[in-house]
Amino acid sequence: KQRELVATVTRDGNTNYLDSVKGRFTVSRDNAKDTVALQMNSLKPE
């Protein structure tokens, strides 16, 4: 399959999600630690 966008967090902190992961995944960033995380819950085989 082609690479697809799952989630983004802008430099202003705005987030956007692939429809199929909304409500299950959460993206966050920590500008003090230069890290970005993706919390994935209720994972599915797909």
ModelCIF file with pLDDT and N, C-alpha, C, O atoms, coordinates in Angstrom:
data_MODEL
#
_entry.id   MODEL 
#
_entity.id                         1 
_entity.type                       polymer 
_entity.pdbx_number_of_molecules   1 
#
_entity_poly.entity_id                      1 
_entity_poly.type                           'polypeptide(L)' 
_entity_poly.nstd_linkage                   no 
_entity_poly.nstd_monomer                   no 
_entity_poly.pdbx_seq_one_letter_code       KQRELVATVTRDGNTNYLDSVKGRFTVSRDNAKDTVALQMNSLKPE 
_entity_poly.pdbx_seq_one_letter_code_can   KQRELVATVTRDGNTNYLDSVKGRFTVSRDNAKDTVALQMNSLKPE 
_entity_poly.pdbx_strand_id                 A 
#
loop_
_entity_poly_seq.entity_id 
_entity_poly_seq.num 
_entity_poly_seq.mon_id 
_entity_poly_seq.hetero 
1 1  LYS n 
1 2  GLN n 
1 3  ARG n 
1 4  GLU n 
1 5  LEU n 
1 6  VAL n 
1 7  ALA n 
1 8  THR n 
1 9  VAL n 
1 10 THR n 
1 11 ARG n 
1 12 ASP n 
1 13 GLY n 
1 14 ASN n 
1 15 THR n 
1 16 ASN n 
1 17 TYR n 
1 18 LEU n 
1 19 ASP n 
1 20 SER n 
1 21 VAL n 
1 22 LYS n 
1 23 GLY n 
1 24 ARG n 
1 25 PHE n 
1 26 THR n 
1 27 VAL n 
1 28 SER n 
1 29 ARG n 
1 30 ASP n 
1 31 ASN n 
1 32 ALA n 
1 33 LYS n 
1 34 ASP n 
1 35 THR n 
1 36 VAL n 
1 37 ALA n 
1 38 LEU n 
1 39 GLN n 
1 40 MET n 
1 41 ASN n 
1 42 SER n 
1 43 LEU n 
1 44 LYS n 
1 45 PRO n 
1 46 GLU n 
#
_struct_asym.id          A 
_struct_asym.entity_id   1 
#
loop_
_ma_qa_metric.id 
_ma_qa_metric.mode 
_ma_qa_metric.name 
_ma_qa_metric.software_group_id 
_ma_qa_metric.type 
1 global pLDDT . pLDDT 
2 local  pLDDT . pLDDT 
#
_ma_qa_metric_global.metric_id      1 
_ma_qa_metric_global.metric_value   97.52 
_ma_qa_metric_global.model_id       1 
_ma_qa_metric_global.ordinal_id     1 
#
loop_
_ma_qa_metric_local.label_asym_id 
_ma_qa_metric_local.label_comp_id 
_ma_qa_metric_local.label_seq_id 
_ma_qa_metric_local.metric_id 
_ma_qa_metric_local.metric_value 
_ma_qa_metric_local.model_id 
_ma_qa_metric_local.ordinal_id 
A LYS 1  2 96.00 1 1  
A GLN 2  2 97.00 1 2  
A ARG 3  2 97.00 1 3  
A GLU 4  2 97.00 1 4  
A LEU 5  2 98.00 1 5  
A VAL 6  2 98.00 1 6  
A ALA 7  2 98.00 1 7  
A THR 8  2 98.00 1 8  
A VAL 9  2 98.00 1 9  
A THR 10 2 97.00 1 10 
A ARG 11 2 96.00 1 11 
A ASP 12 2 95.00 1 12 
A GLY 13 2 95.00 1 13 
A ASN 14 2 97.00 1 14 
A THR 15 2 98.00 1 15 
A ASN 16 2 98.00 1 16 
A TYR 17 2 98.00 1 17 
A LEU 18 2 98.00 1 18 
A ASP 19 2 98.00 1 19 
A SER 20 2 97.00 1 20 
A VAL 21 2 98.00 1 21 
A LYS 22 2 98.00 1 22 
A GLY 23 2 98.00 1 23 
A ARG 24 2 98.00 1 24 
A PHE 25 2 98.00 1 25 
A THR 26 2 98.00 1 26 
A VAL 27 2 98.00 1 27 
A SER 28 2 98.00 1 28 
A ARG 29 2 98.00 1 29 
A ASP 30 2 97.00 1 30 
A ASN 31 2 97.00 1 31 
A ALA 32 2 97.00 1 32 
A LYS 33 2 97.00 1 33 
A ASP 34 2 98.00 1 34 
A THR 35 2 98.00 1 35 
A VAL 36 2 98.00 1 36 
A ALA 37 2 98.00 1 37 
A LEU 38 2 98.00 1 38 
A GLN 39 2 98.00 1 39 
A MET 40 2 98.00 1 40 
A ASN 41 2 98.00 1 41 
A SER 42 2 98.00 1 42 
A LEU 43 2 98.00 1 43 
A LYS 44 2 98.00 1 44 
A PRO 45 2 97.00 1 45 
A GLU 46 2 97.00 1 46 
#
loop_
_atom_site.group_PDB 
_atom_site.id 
_atom_site.type_symbol 
_atom_site.label_atom_id 
_atom_site.label_alt_id 
_atom_site.label_comp_id 
_atom_site.label_asym_id 
_atom_site.label_entity_id 
_atom_site.label_seq_id 
_atom_site.pdbx_PDB_ins_code 
_atom_site.Cartn_x 
_atom_site.Cartn_y 
_atom_site.Cartn_z 
_atom_site.occupancy 
_atom_site.B_iso_or_equiv 
_atom_site.pdbx_formal_charge 
_atom_site.auth_seq_id 
_atom_site.auth_comp_id 
_atom_site.auth_asym_id 
_atom_site.auth_atom_id 
_atom_site.pdbx_PDB_model_num 
ATOM 1   N N  . LYS A 1 1  ? 0.833   -1.204 0.000  1.00 96.00 ? 1  LYS A N  1 
ATOM 2   C CA . LYS A 1 1  ? 0.000   0.000  0.000  1.00 96.00 ? 1  LYS A CA 1 
ATOM 3   C C  . LYS A 1 1  ? 0.860   1.242  0.000  1.00 96.00 ? 1  LYS A C  1 
ATOM 4   O O  . LYS A 1 1  ? 2.048   1.201  0.320  1.00 96.00 ? 1  LYS A O  1 
ATOM 5   N N  . GLN A 1 2  ? 0.235   2.352  -0.366 1.00 97.00 ? 2  GLN A N  1 
ATOM 6   C CA . GLN A 1 2  ? 0.947   3.621  -0.348 1.00 97.00 ? 2  GLN A CA 1 
ATOM 7   C C  . GLN A 1 2  ? 1.046   4.151  1.079  1.00 97.00 ? 2  GLN A C  1 
ATOM 8   O O  . GLN A 1 2  ? 0.224   3.839  1.941  1.00 97.00 ? 2  GLN A O  1 
ATOM 9   N N  . ARG A 1 3  ? 2.066   4.951  1.297  1.00 97.00 ? 3  ARG A N  1 
ATOM 10  C CA . ARG A 1 3  ? 2.203   5.605  2.591  1.00 97.00 ? 3  ARG A CA 1 
ATOM 11  C C  . ARG A 1 3  ? 1.042   6.566  2.784  1.00 97.00 ? 3  ARG A C  1 
ATOM 12  O O  . ARG A 1 3  ? 0.669   7.291  1.862  1.00 97.00 ? 3  ARG A O  1 
ATOM 13  N N  . GLU A 1 4  ? 0.469   6.573  3.990  1.00 97.00 ? 4  GLU A N  1 
ATOM 14  C CA . GLU A 1 4  ? -0.661  7.462  4.266  1.00 97.00 ? 4  GLU A CA 1 
ATOM 15  C C  . GLU A 1 4  ? -0.421  8.255  5.531  1.00 97.00 ? 4  GLU A C  1 
ATOM 16  O O  . GLU A 1 4  ? 0.280   7.822  6.446  1.00 97.00 ? 4  GLU A O  1 
ATOM 17  N N  . LEU A 1 5  ? -1.024  9.430  5.554  1.00 98.00 ? 5  LEU A N  1 
ATOM 18  C CA . LEU A 1 5  ? -0.914  10.300 6.709  1.00 98.00 ? 5  LEU A CA 1 
ATOM 19  C C  . LEU A 1 5  ? -1.831  9.789  7.817  1.00 98.00 ? 5  LEU A C  1 
ATOM 20  O O  . LEU A 1 5  ? -3.016  9.548  7.586  1.00 98.00 ? 5  LEU A O  1 
ATOM 21  N N  . VAL A 1 6  ? -1.288  9.626  9.002  1.00 98.00 ? 6  VAL A N  1 
ATOM 22  C CA . VAL A 1 6  ? -2.072  9.142  10.136 1.00 98.00 ? 6  VAL A CA 1 
ATOM 23  C C  . VAL A 1 6  ? -2.499  10.303 11.040 1.00 98.00 ? 6  VAL A C  1 
ATOM 24  O O  . VAL A 1 6  ? -3.670  10.411 11.403 1.00 98.00 ? 6  VAL A O  1 
ATOM 25  N N  . ALA A 1 7  ? -1.559  11.159 11.399 1.00 98.00 ? 7  ALA A N  1 
ATOM 26  C CA . ALA A 1 7  ? -1.865  12.251 12.303 1.00 98.00 ? 7  ALA A CA 1 
ATOM 27  C C  . ALA A 1 7  ? -0.802  13.321 12.181 1.00 98.00 ? 7  ALA A C  1 
ATOM 28  O O  . ALA A 1 7  ? 0.369   13.034 11.930 1.00 98.00 ? 7  ALA A O  1 
ATOM 29  N N  . THR A 1 8  ? -1.231  14.563 12.362 1.00 98.00 ? 8  THR A N  1 
ATOM 30  C CA . THR A 1 8  ? -0.286  15.669 12.353 1.00 98.00 ? 8  THR A CA 1 
ATOM 31  C C  . THR A 1 8  ? -0.562  16.594 13.540 1.00 98.00 ? 8  THR A C  1 
ATOM 32  O O  . THR A 1 8  ? -1.686  16.700 14.031 1.00 98.00 ? 8  THR A O  1 
ATOM 33  N N  . VAL A 1 9  ? 0.490   17.247 13.972 1.00 98.00 ? 9  VAL A N  1 
ATOM 34  C CA . VAL A 1 9  ? 0.360   18.315 14.957 1.00 98.00 ? 9  VAL A CA 1 
ATOM 35  C C  . VAL A 1 9  ? 1.209   19.466 14.445 1.00 98.00 ? 9  VAL A C  1 
ATOM 36  O O  . VAL A 1 9  ? 2.419   19.331 14.260 1.00 98.00 ? 9  VAL A O  1 
ATOM 37  N N  . THR A 1 10 ? 0.556   20.603 14.219 1.00 97.00 ? 10 THR A N  1 
ATOM 38  C CA . THR A 1 10 ? 1.279   21.744 13.673 1.00 97.00 ? 10 THR A CA 1 
ATOM 39  C C  . THR A 1 10 ? 2.149   22.396 14.734 1.00 97.00 ? 10 THR A C  1 
ATOM 40  O O  . THR A 1 10 ? 2.091   22.041 15.911 1.00 97.00 ? 10 THR A O  1 
ATOM 41  N N  . ARG A 1 11 ? 2.950   23.349 14.302 1.00 96.00 ? 11 ARG A N  1 
ATOM 42  C CA . ARG A 1 11 ? 3.808   24.039 15.265 1.00 96.00 ? 11 ARG A CA 1 
ATOM 43  C C  . ARG A 1 11 ? 2.967   24.865 16.231 1.00 96.00 ? 11 ARG A C  1 
ATOM 44  O O  . ARG A 1 11 ? 3.433   25.242 17.306 1.00 96.00 ? 11 ARG A O  1 
ATOM 45  N N  . ASP A 1 12 ? 1.717   25.145 15.838 1.00 95.00 ? 12 ASP A N  1 
ATOM 46  C CA . ASP A 1 12 ? 0.805   25.867 16.722 1.00 95.00 ? 12 ASP A CA 1 
ATOM 47  C C  . ASP A 1 12 ? 0.001   24.930 17.627 1.00 95.00 ? 12 ASP A C  1 
ATOM 48  O O  . ASP A 1 12 ? -0.780  25.381 18.465 1.00 95.00 ? 12 ASP A O  1 
ATOM 49  N N  . GLY A 1 13 ? 0.200   23.630 17.447 1.00 95.00 ? 13 GLY A N  1 
ATOM 50  C CA . GLY A 1 13 ? -0.484  22.666 18.301 1.00 95.00 ? 13 GLY A CA 1 
ATOM 51  C C  . GLY A 1 13 ? -1.803  22.147 17.746 1.00 95.00 ? 13 GLY A C  1 
ATOM 52  O O  . GLY A 1 13 ? -2.509  21.408 18.432 1.00 95.00 ? 13 GLY A O  1 
ATOM 53  N N  . ASN A 1 14 ? -2.143  22.517 16.531 1.00 97.00 ? 14 ASN A N  1 
ATOM 54  C CA . ASN A 1 14 ? -3.372  22.005 15.938 1.00 97.00 ? 14 ASN A CA 1 
ATOM 55  C C  . ASN A 1 14 ? -3.145  20.580 15.442 1.00 97.00 ? 14 ASN A C  1 
ATOM 56  O O  . ASN A 1 14 ? -2.082  20.256 14.913 1.00 97.00 ? 14 ASN A O  1 
ATOM 57  N N  . THR A 1 15 ? -4.153  19.742 15.620 1.00 98.00 ? 15 THR A N  1 
ATOM 58  C CA . THR A 1 15 ? -4.027  18.335 15.252 1.00 98.00 ? 15 THR A CA 1 
ATOM 59  C C  . THR A 1 15 ? -5.006  17.954 14.148 1.00 98.00 ? 15 THR A C  1 
ATOM 60  O O  . THR A 1 15 ? -6.051  18.580 13.968 1.00 98.00 ? 15 THR A O  1 
ATOM 61  N N  . ASN A 1 16 ? -4.638  16.923 13.426 1.00 98.00 ? 16 ASN A N  1 
ATOM 62  C CA . ASN A 1 16 ? -5.481  16.403 12.357 1.00 98.00 ? 16 ASN A CA 1 
ATOM 63  C C  . ASN A 1 16 ? -5.238  14.901 12.278 1.00 98.00 ? 16 ASN A C  1 
ATOM 64  O O  . ASN A 1 16 ? -4.118  14.435 12.488 1.00 98.00 ? 16 ASN A O  1 
ATOM 65  N N  . TYR A 1 17 ? -6.308  14.132 11.968 1.00 98.00 ? 17 TYR A N  1 
ATOM 66  C CA . TYR A 1 17 ? -6.207  12.681 11.989 1.00 98.00 ? 17 TYR A CA 1 
ATOM 67  C C  . TYR A 1 17 ? -6.840  12.056 10.756 1.00 98.00 ? 17 TYR A C  1 
ATOM 68  O O  . TYR A 1 17 ? -7.794  12.583 10.183 1.00 98.00 ? 17 TYR A O  1 
ATOM 69  N N  . LEU A 1 18 ? -6.281  10.918 10.367 1.00 98.00 ? 18 LEU A N  1 
ATOM 70  C CA . LEU A 1 18 ? -6.923  10.050 9.392  1.00 98.00 ? 18 LEU A CA 1 
ATOM 71  C C  . LEU A 1 18 ? -8.266  9.606  9.972  1.00 98.00 ? 18 LEU A C  1 
ATOM 72  O O  . LEU A 1 18 ? -8.354  9.282  11.157 1.00 98.00 ? 18 LEU A O  1 
ATOM 73  N N  . ASP A 1 19 ? -9.301  9.590  9.148  1.00 98.00 ? 19 ASP A N  1 
ATOM 74  C CA . ASP A 1 19 ? -10.634 9.271  9.660  1.00 98.00 ? 19 ASP A CA 1 
ATOM 75  C C  . ASP A 1 19 ? -10.673 7.949  10.420 1.00 98.00 ? 19 ASP A C  1 
ATOM 76  O O  . ASP A 1 19 ? -11.343 7.836  11.447 1.00 98.00 ? 19 ASP A O  1 
ATOM 77  N N  . SER A 1 20 ? -9.966  6.968  9.920  1.00 97.00 ? 20 SER A N  1 
ATOM 78  C CA . SER A 1 20 ? -10.060 5.633  10.510 1.00 97.00 ? 20 SER A CA 1 
ATOM 79  C C  . SER A 1 20 ? -9.388  5.523  11.884 1.00 97.00 ? 20 SER A C  1 
ATOM 80  O O  . SER A 1 20 ? -9.558  4.515  12.569 1.00 97.00 ? 20 SER A O  1 
ATOM 81  N N  . VAL A 1 21 ? -8.630  6.541  12.293 1.00 98.00 ? 21 VAL A N  1 
ATOM 82  C CA . VAL A 1 21 ? -7.975  6.479  13.603 1.00 98.00 ? 21 VAL A CA 1 
ATOM 83  C C  . VAL A 1 21 ? -8.545  7.498  14.582 1.00 98.00 ? 21 VAL A C  1 
ATOM 84  O O  . VAL A 1 21 ? -8.144  7.527  15.746 1.00 98.00 ? 21 VAL A O  1 
ATOM 85  N N  . LYS A 1 22 ? -9.467  8.325  14.128 1.00 98.00 ? 22 LYS A N  1 
ATOM 86  C CA . LYS A 1 22 ? -10.060 9.331  15.005 1.00 98.00 ? 22 LYS A CA 1 
ATOM 87  C C  . LYS A 1 22 ? -10.727 8.655  16.195 1.00 98.00 ? 22 LYS A C  1 
ATOM 88  O O  . LYS A 1 22 ? -11.442 7.664  16.049 1.00 98.00 ? 22 LYS A O  1 
ATOM 89  N N  . GLY A 1 23 ? -10.479 9.212  17.371 1.00 98.00 ? 23 GLY A N  1 
ATOM 90  C CA . GLY A 1 23 ? -11.043 8.647  18.589 1.00 98.00 ? 23 GLY A CA 1 
ATOM 91  C C  . GLY A 1 23 ? -10.215 7.526  19.180 1.00 98.00 ? 23 GLY A C  1 
ATOM 92  O O  . GLY A 1 23 ? -10.454 7.116  20.316 1.00 98.00 ? 23 GLY A O  1 
ATOM 93  N N  . ARG A 1 24 ? -9.248  7.022  18.432 1.00 98.00 ? 24 ARG A N  1 
ATOM 94  C CA . ARG A 1 24 ? -8.388  5.934  18.933 1.00 98.00 ? 24 ARG A CA 1 
ATOM 95  C C  . ARG A 1 24 ? -6.939  6.386  19.116 1.00 98.00 ? 24 ARG A C  1 
ATOM 96  O O  . ARG A 1 24 ? -6.260  5.950  20.045 1.00 98.00 ? 24 ARG A O  1 
ATOM 97  N N  . PHE A 1 25 ? -6.476  7.251  18.235 1.00 98.00 ? 25 PHE A N  1 
ATOM 98  C CA . PHE A 1 25 ? -5.086  7.710  18.268 1.00 98.00 ? 25 PHE A CA 1 
ATOM 99  C C  . PHE A 1 25 ? -5.036  9.163  18.740 1.00 98.00 ? 25 PHE A C  1 
ATOM 100 O O  . PHE A 1 25 ? -5.948  9.947  18.476 1.00 98.00 ? 25 PHE A O  1 
ATOM 101 N N  . THR A 1 26 ? -3.967  9.503  19.436 1.00 98.00 ? 26 THR A N  1 
ATOM 102 C CA . THR A 1 26 ? -3.747  10.878 19.873 1.00 98.00 ? 26 THR A CA 1 
ATOM 103 C C  . THR A 1 26 ? -2.298  11.261 19.612 1.00 98.00 ? 26 THR A C  1 
ATOM 104 O O  . THR A 1 26 ? -1.376  10.575 20.055 1.00 98.00 ? 26 THR A O  1 
ATOM 105 N N  . VAL A 1 27 ? -2.102  12.359 18.893 1.00 98.00 ? 27 VAL A N  1 
ATOM 106 C CA . VAL A 1 27 ? -0.759  12.864 18.618 1.00 98.00 ? 27 VAL A CA 1 
ATOM 107 C C  . VAL A 1 27 ? -0.480  14.034 19.546 1.00 98.00 ? 27 VAL A C  1 
ATOM 108 O O  . VAL A 1 27 ? -1.361  14.846 19.827 1.00 98.00 ? 27 VAL A O  1 
ATOM 109 N N  . SER A 1 28 ? 0.759   14.107 20.018 1.00 98.00 ? 28 SER A N  1 
ATOM 110 C CA . SER A 1 28 ? 1.144   15.201 20.907 1.00 98.00 ? 28 SER A CA 1 
ATOM 111 C C  . SER A 1 28 ? 2.617   15.534 20.683 1.00 98.00 ? 28 SER A C  1 
ATOM 112 O O  . SER A 1 28 ? 3.391   14.713 20.190 1.00 98.00 ? 28 SER A O  1 
ATOM 113 N N  . ARG A 1 29 ? 2.978   16.745 21.054 1.00 98.00 ? 29 ARG A N  1 
ATOM 114 C CA . ARG A 1 29 ? 4.369   17.154 20.917 1.00 98.00 ? 29 ARG A CA 1 
ATOM 115 C C  . ARG A 1 29 ? 4.851   17.815 22.198 1.00 98.00 ? 29 ARG A C  1 
ATOM 116 O O  . ARG A 1 29 ? 4.070   18.388 22.956 1.00 98.00 ? 29 ARG A O  1 
ATOM 117 N N  . ASP A 1 30 ? 6.142   17.722 22.418 1.00 97.00 ? 30 ASP A N  1 
ATOM 118 C CA . ASP A 1 30 ? 6.781   18.361 23.563 1.00 97.00 ? 30 ASP A CA 1 
ATOM 119 C C  . ASP A 1 30 ? 7.936   19.190 23.012 1.00 97.00 ? 30 ASP A C  1 
ATOM 120 O O  . ASP A 1 30 ? 9.003   18.657 22.707 1.00 97.00 ? 30 ASP A O  1 
ATOM 121 N N  . ASN A 1 31 ? 7.718   20.480 22.891 1.00 97.00 ? 31 ASN A N  1 
ATOM 122 C CA . ASN A 1 31 ? 8.739   21.338 22.302 1.00 97.00 ? 31 ASN A CA 1 
ATOM 123 C C  . ASN A 1 31 ? 9.955   21.513 23.220 1.00 97.00 ? 31 ASN A C  1 
ATOM 124 O O  . ASN A 1 31 ? 11.029  21.898 22.759 1.00 97.00 ? 31 ASN A O  1 
ATOM 125 N N  . ALA A 1 32 ? 9.790   21.237 24.490 1.00 97.00 ? 32 ALA A N  1 
ATOM 126 C CA . ALA A 1 32 ? 10.922  21.334 25.418 1.00 97.00 ? 32 ALA A CA 1 
ATOM 127 C C  . ALA A 1 32 ? 11.872  20.141 25.255 1.00 97.00 ? 32 ALA A C  1 
ATOM 128 O O  . ALA A 1 32 ? 13.069  20.246 25.524 1.00 97.00 ? 32 ALA A O  1 
ATOM 129 N N  . LYS A 1 33 ? 11.322  19.013 24.813 1.00 97.00 ? 33 LYS A N  1 
ATOM 130 C CA . LYS A 1 33 ? 12.126  17.794 24.665 1.00 97.00 ? 33 LYS A CA 1 
ATOM 131 C C  . LYS A 1 33 ? 12.363  17.424 23.204 1.00 97.00 ? 33 LYS A C  1 
ATOM 132 O O  . LYS A 1 33 ? 13.037  16.436 22.914 1.00 97.00 ? 33 LYS A O  1 
ATOM 133 N N  . ASP A 1 34 ? 11.807  18.218 22.277 1.00 98.00 ? 34 ASP A N  1 
ATOM 134 C CA . ASP A 1 34 ? 11.946  17.940 20.844 1.00 98.00 ? 34 ASP A CA 1 
ATOM 135 C C  . ASP A 1 34 ? 11.441  16.544 20.490 1.00 98.00 ? 34 ASP A C  1 
ATOM 136 O O  . ASP A 1 34 ? 12.093  15.794 19.764 1.00 98.00 ? 34 ASP A O  1 
ATOM 137 N N  . THR A 1 35 ? 10.278  16.220 21.015 1.00 98.00 ? 35 THR A N  1 
ATOM 138 C CA . THR A 1 35 ? 9.704   14.914 20.741 1.00 98.00 ? 35 THR A CA 1 
ATOM 139 C C  . THR A 1 35 ? 8.248   15.042 20.298 1.00 98.00 ? 35 THR A C  1 
ATOM 140 O O  . THR A 1 35 ? 7.555   16.005 20.625 1.00 98.00 ? 35 THR A O  1 
ATOM 141 N N  . VAL A 1 36 ? 7.817   14.045 19.551 1.00 98.00 ? 36 VAL A N  1 
ATOM 142 C CA . VAL A 1 36 ? 6.413   13.930 19.179 1.00 98.00 ? 36 VAL A CA 1 
ATOM 143 C C  . VAL A 1 36 ? 6.006   12.483 19.432 1.00 98.00 ? 36 VAL A C  1 
ATOM 144 O O  . VAL A 1 36 ? 6.772   11.556 19.169 1.00 98.00 ? 36 VAL A O  1 
ATOM 145 N N  . ALA A 1 37 ? 4.804   12.305 19.939 1.00 98.00 ? 37 ALA A N  1 
ATOM 146 C CA . ALA A 1 37 ? 4.329   10.979 20.311 1.00 98.00 ? 37 ALA A CA 1 
ATOM 147 C C  . ALA A 1 37 ? 3.017   10.661 19.615 1.00 98.00 ? 37 ALA A C  1 
ATOM 148 O O  . ALA A 1 37 ? 2.267   11.557 19.226 1.00 98.00 ? 37 ALA A O  1 
ATOM 149 N N  . LEU A 1 38 ? 2.758   9.385  19.467 1.00 98.00 ? 38 LEU A N  1 
ATOM 150 C CA . LEU A 1 38 ? 1.482   8.914  18.942 1.00 98.00 ? 38 LEU A CA 1 
ATOM 151 C C  . LEU A 1 38 ? 0.970   7.830  19.872 1.00 98.00 ? 38 LEU A C  1 
ATOM 152 O O  . LEU A 1 38 ? 1.511   6.725  19.900 1.00 98.00 ? 38 LEU A O  1 
ATOM 153 N N  . GLN A 1 39 ? -0.067  8.141  20.632 1.00 98.00 ? 39 GLN A N  1 
ATOM 154 C CA . GLN A 1 39 ? -0.701  7.169  21.503 1.00 98.00 ? 39 GLN A CA 1 
ATOM 155 C C  . GLN A 1 39 ? -1.774  6.447  20.702 1.00 98.00 ? 39 GLN A C  1 
ATOM 156 O O  . GLN A 1 39 ? -2.695  7.072  20.176 1.00 98.00 ? 39 GLN A O  1 
ATOM 157 N N  . MET A 1 40 ? -1.649  5.142  20.614 1.00 98.00 ? 40 MET A N  1 
ATOM 158 C CA . MET A 1 40 ? -2.566  4.350  19.791 1.00 98.00 ? 40 MET A CA 1 
ATOM 159 C C  . MET A 1 40 ? -3.313  3.374  20.688 1.00 98.00 ? 40 MET A C  1 
ATOM 160 O O  . MET A 1 40 ? -2.714  2.487  21.295 1.00 98.00 ? 40 MET A O  1 
ATOM 161 N N  . ASN A 1 41 ? -4.619  3.548  20.763 1.00 98.00 ? 41 ASN A N  1 
ATOM 162 C CA . ASN A 1 41 ? -5.476  2.686  21.567 1.00 98.00 ? 41 ASN A CA 1 
ATOM 163 C C  . ASN A 1 41 ? -6.434  1.913  20.670 1.00 98.00 ? 41 ASN A C  1 
ATOM 164 O O  . ASN A 1 41 ? -6.622  2.252  19.501 1.00 98.00 ? 41 ASN A O  1 
ATOM 165 N N  . SER A 1 42 ? -7.026  0.885  21.227 1.00 98.00 ? 42 SER A N  1 
ATOM 166 C CA . SER A 1 42 ? -8.010  0.064  20.492 1.00 98.00 ? 42 SER A CA 1 
ATOM 167 C C  . SER A 1 42 ? -7.473  -0.333 19.122 1.00 98.00 ? 42 SER A C  1 
ATOM 168 O O  . SER A 1 42 ? -8.148  -0.186 18.103 1.00 98.00 ? 42 SER A O  1 
ATOM 169 N N  . LEU A 1 43 ? -6.269  -0.829 19.125 1.00 98.00 ? 43 LEU A N  1 
ATOM 170 C CA . LEU A 1 43 ? -5.613  -1.164 17.858 1.00 98.00 ? 43 LEU A CA 1 
ATOM 171 C C  . LEU A 1 43 ? -6.323  -2.297 17.142 1.00 98.00 ? 43 LEU A C  1 
ATOM 172 O O  . LEU A 1 43 ? -6.868  -3.213 17.757 1.00 98.00 ? 43 LEU A O  1 
ATOM 173 N N  . LYS A 1 44 ? -6.297  -2.201 15.818 1.00 98.00 ? 44 LYS A N  1 
ATOM 174 C CA . LYS A 1 44 ? -6.942  -3.173 14.947 1.00 98.00 ? 44 LYS A CA 1 
ATOM 175 C C  . LYS A 1 44 ? -5.902  -3.799 14.021 1.00 98.00 ? 44 LYS A C  1 
ATOM 176 O O  . LYS A 1 44 ? -4.857  -3.196 13.773 1.00 98.00 ? 44 LYS A O  1 
ATOM 177 N N  . PRO A 1 45 ? -6.170  -4.985 13.512 1.00 97.00 ? 45 PRO A N  1 
ATOM 178 C CA . PRO A 1 45 ? -5.208  -5.595 12.574 1.00 97.00 ? 45 PRO A CA 1 
ATOM 179 C C  . PRO A 1 45 ? -4.886  -4.694 11.379 1.00 97.00 ? 45 PRO A C  1 
ATOM 180 O O  . PRO A 1 45 ? -3.773  -4.724 10.856 1.00 97.00 ? 45 PRO A O  1 
ATOM 181 N N  . GLU A 1 46 ? -5.853  -3.906 10.959 1.00 97.00 ? 46 GLU A N  1 
ATOM 182 C CA . GLU A 1 46 ? -5.610  -3.017 9.812  1.00 97.00 ? 46 GLU A CA 1 
ATOM 183 C C  . GLU A 1 46 ? -4.701  -1.831 10.141 1.00 97.00 ? 46 GLU A C  1 
ATOM 184 O O  . GLU A 1 46 ? -4.418  -1.010 9.269  1.00 97.00 ? 46 GLU A O  1 
#
